Protein backbone atom coordinates (compact mmCIF):
# COMPACT_ATOMS: atom_id res chain seq x y z
CA MET A 1 -0.01 0.05 -0.02
CA LYS A 2 1.42 3.38 -1.02
CA ILE A 3 2.00 5.89 1.85
CA LYS A 4 -0.44 8.28 0.28
CA THR A 5 -3.15 5.65 0.41
CA LEU A 6 -2.36 4.72 3.90
CA VAL A 7 -2.38 8.37 5.13
CA VAL A 8 -5.80 9.15 3.33
CA ASN A 9 -7.30 5.99 4.80
CA ALA A 10 -6.05 6.93 8.24
CA ILE A 11 -7.59 10.37 7.91
CA LEU A 12 -10.85 8.74 6.71
CA ALA A 13 -10.84 6.46 9.75
CA ALA A 14 -10.28 9.37 12.07
CA LEU A 15 -13.16 11.27 10.37
CA TYR A 16 -15.44 8.29 10.58
CA ILE A 17 -14.69 7.91 14.41
CA ALA A 18 -15.00 11.67 15.05
CA VAL A 19 -18.39 11.86 13.32
CA SER A 20 -19.65 8.70 15.13
CA GLY A 21 -18.47 9.92 18.48
CA LEU A 22 -20.49 13.30 18.04
CA ILE A 23 -23.60 11.34 17.27
CA ALA A 24 -23.09 8.44 19.50
CA PRO A 25 -26.41 8.29 21.16
CA PHE A 26 -28.18 8.04 17.75
CA GLY A 27 -25.80 5.61 16.12
CA PHE A 28 -25.99 2.55 18.47
CA THR A 29 -29.75 1.80 19.13
CA ASN A 30 -32.67 0.22 17.27
CA ILE A 31 -33.22 3.59 15.57
CA GLN A 32 -29.79 4.65 14.08
CA PHE A 33 -28.72 7.82 12.22
CA ARG A 34 -24.97 7.13 12.14
CA VAL A 35 -24.09 10.13 9.91
CA SER A 36 -20.55 8.74 9.43
CA GLU A 37 -22.13 5.93 7.27
CA MET A 38 -22.14 8.51 4.38
CA PHE A 39 -18.53 7.83 4.13
CA ASN A 40 -19.43 4.60 2.71
CA HIS A 41 -20.12 6.30 -0.60
CA LEU A 42 -16.41 6.82 -1.13
CA VAL A 43 -15.95 3.14 -2.30
CA VAL A 44 -17.99 4.16 -5.53
CA PHE A 45 -15.08 6.45 -6.33
CA ASN A 46 -12.23 4.14 -5.40
CA LYS A 47 -12.31 0.76 -3.81
CA LYS A 48 -9.21 1.53 -1.70
CA TYR A 49 -11.39 3.62 0.66
CA ILE A 50 -12.64 0.26 2.21
CA PHE A 51 -9.53 0.11 4.42
CA GLY A 52 -10.28 3.49 6.01
CA ILE A 53 -14.01 2.86 6.40
CA ILE A 54 -13.55 -0.57 8.05
CA VAL A 55 -10.98 0.68 10.44
CA GLY A 56 -13.27 3.63 11.31
CA VAL A 57 -16.31 1.26 11.85
CA PHE A 58 -14.10 -1.05 14.00
CA LEU A 59 -12.66 1.65 16.17
CA SER A 60 -16.07 3.51 16.50
CA ASN A 61 -17.76 0.36 17.70
CA LEU A 62 -14.74 -0.48 20.09
CA PHE A 63 -15.00 3.14 21.56
CA PHE A 64 -18.56 3.96 21.44
CA SER A 65 -20.82 0.95 21.27
CA PRO A 66 -22.66 -0.08 24.32
CA MET A 67 -22.35 -3.84 23.03
CA VAL A 68 -18.73 -3.86 21.84
CA ALA A 69 -18.40 -7.56 21.27
CA TYR A 70 -21.50 -7.83 19.14
CA ASP A 71 -20.71 -4.64 17.19
CA LEU A 72 -17.24 -5.65 16.47
CA VAL A 73 -18.52 -8.74 14.74
CA PHE A 74 -21.93 -7.89 13.41
CA GLY A 75 -21.06 -4.04 12.61
CA VAL A 76 -17.84 -4.65 11.03
CA GLY A 77 -19.23 -7.70 9.16
CA GLN A 78 -22.15 -5.68 7.75
CA SER A 79 -19.89 -3.02 6.51
CA LEU A 80 -17.37 -5.38 5.16
CA LEU A 81 -20.30 -7.24 3.23
CA ALA A 82 -21.95 -4.26 1.98
CA LEU A 83 -18.82 -2.40 0.76
CA SER A 84 -17.57 -5.65 -0.90
CA ILE A 85 -20.93 -6.08 -2.76
CA THR A 86 -20.76 -2.50 -3.87
CA ILE A 87 -17.16 -2.74 -5.05
CA VAL A 88 -17.90 -5.89 -7.20
CA SER A 89 -21.15 -4.38 -8.47
CA ALA A 90 -19.29 -1.24 -9.47
CA ARG A 91 -17.64 -3.07 -12.20
CA PHE A 92 -20.77 -3.39 -14.04
CA ILE A 93 -22.52 -0.19 -13.33
CA LYS A 94 -21.71 3.11 -15.10
CA GLY A 95 -22.07 6.47 -13.41
CA ILE A 96 -21.40 7.68 -10.01
CA TRP A 97 -25.14 8.38 -9.16
CA ALA A 98 -26.17 4.88 -10.18
CA ARG A 99 -23.40 3.42 -8.06
CA MET A 100 -24.30 5.52 -5.02
CA ILE A 101 -27.90 4.39 -5.41
CA VAL A 102 -26.87 0.81 -5.49
CA ASN A 103 -24.58 1.34 -2.54
CA THR A 104 -27.44 2.85 -0.65
CA VAL A 105 -29.80 -0.05 -1.47
CA VAL A 106 -27.07 -2.59 -0.51
CA PHE A 107 -26.39 -0.98 2.74
CA THR A 108 -30.12 -0.51 3.65
CA PHE A 109 -30.88 -4.22 2.77
CA THR A 110 -27.80 -5.57 4.63
CA MET A 111 -28.99 -3.93 7.88
CA PHE A 112 -30.62 -7.15 8.58
CA LEU A 113 -27.36 -8.10 10.23
CA ILE A 114 -27.64 -5.23 12.63
CA ALA A 115 -31.15 -6.21 13.37
CA TRP A 116 -30.03 -9.74 14.12
CA GLU A 117 -27.37 -8.27 16.30
CA LEU A 118 -29.88 -6.24 18.31
CA ASN A 119 -32.27 -9.13 18.53
CA LEU A 120 -29.48 -11.37 19.94
CA ALA A 121 -28.23 -8.64 22.31
CA PHE A 122 -31.44 -6.93 23.50
CA GLU A 123 -34.15 -9.44 22.33
CA LEU A 124 -35.63 -6.85 20.07
CA PRO A 125 -38.14 -8.06 17.41
CA PHE A 126 -36.08 -8.90 14.35
CA LEU A 127 -38.51 -7.61 11.55
CA PHE A 128 -39.38 -4.45 13.21
CA THR A 129 -35.79 -3.68 14.21
CA TRP A 130 -34.58 -4.41 10.67
CA LEU A 131 -37.16 -1.93 9.45
CA THR A 132 -36.08 0.76 11.92
CA VAL A 133 -32.24 0.42 11.28
CA ALA A 134 -32.85 0.09 7.48
CA ILE A 135 -34.76 3.32 7.48
CA GLY A 136 -32.13 5.18 9.30
CA GLU A 137 -29.42 3.81 7.23
CA PHE A 138 -31.51 4.83 4.03
CA VAL A 139 -31.86 8.41 5.11
CA VAL A 140 -28.19 8.81 6.00
CA MET A 141 -27.03 7.23 2.83
CA ALA A 142 -29.70 9.14 0.60
CA VAL A 143 -28.74 12.39 2.20
CA GLY A 144 -25.07 11.48 1.98
CA MET A 145 -25.31 11.08 -1.89
CA PRO A 146 -25.41 14.75 -2.86
CA ILE A 147 -23.08 15.74 -0.10
CA ILE A 148 -20.41 13.20 -1.07
CA TYR A 149 -20.97 14.01 -4.85
CA TYR A 150 -20.40 17.72 -4.42
CA ILE A 151 -17.40 17.33 -2.21
CA ASN A 152 -16.05 15.12 -4.95
CA LYS A 153 -16.38 17.89 -7.30
CA ARG A 154 -13.81 19.86 -5.20
CA VAL A 155 -11.39 17.10 -4.09
CA ASN A 156 -11.72 14.36 -6.73
CA PHE A 157 -12.04 11.19 -4.51
CA GLU A 158 -11.09 8.88 -7.40
CA LYS A 159 -7.49 10.18 -7.59
CA MET A 160 -7.00 11.00 -3.88
CA VAL A 161 -5.75 7.50 -2.86
């Protein structure tokens, strides 16, 4: 890994952690609005961002989650699964907007893993919890699309790493 890629991913992980820490009460319950999830859209520009996102998710869950052990498995696993699906599917999808829409749908759908985690940890009803965490993820990812898109116009995420 190049030094530049390593540094950019370290900064991304730090940003993910900082934003997660600011909204911690809203990012770890059965109704989640983890604003830092909008950084997941960076993989549609360059797959190398997966490293910074996964490290950010891991450390955020380690530092801020009330159910650390579960979140280190399910939270990191859900992010890794969804990011991997997006990276593979991006090979076949032209256009940044289409990729971000697919990414949003993938992350929203894979929230079943978080619902399962909350079901195991707190005995919350699986289907209702899946609905609530999926809605929160969808809102954050949908709002994040134009934000990340317009930031990209200034910084060019594709060539940054």
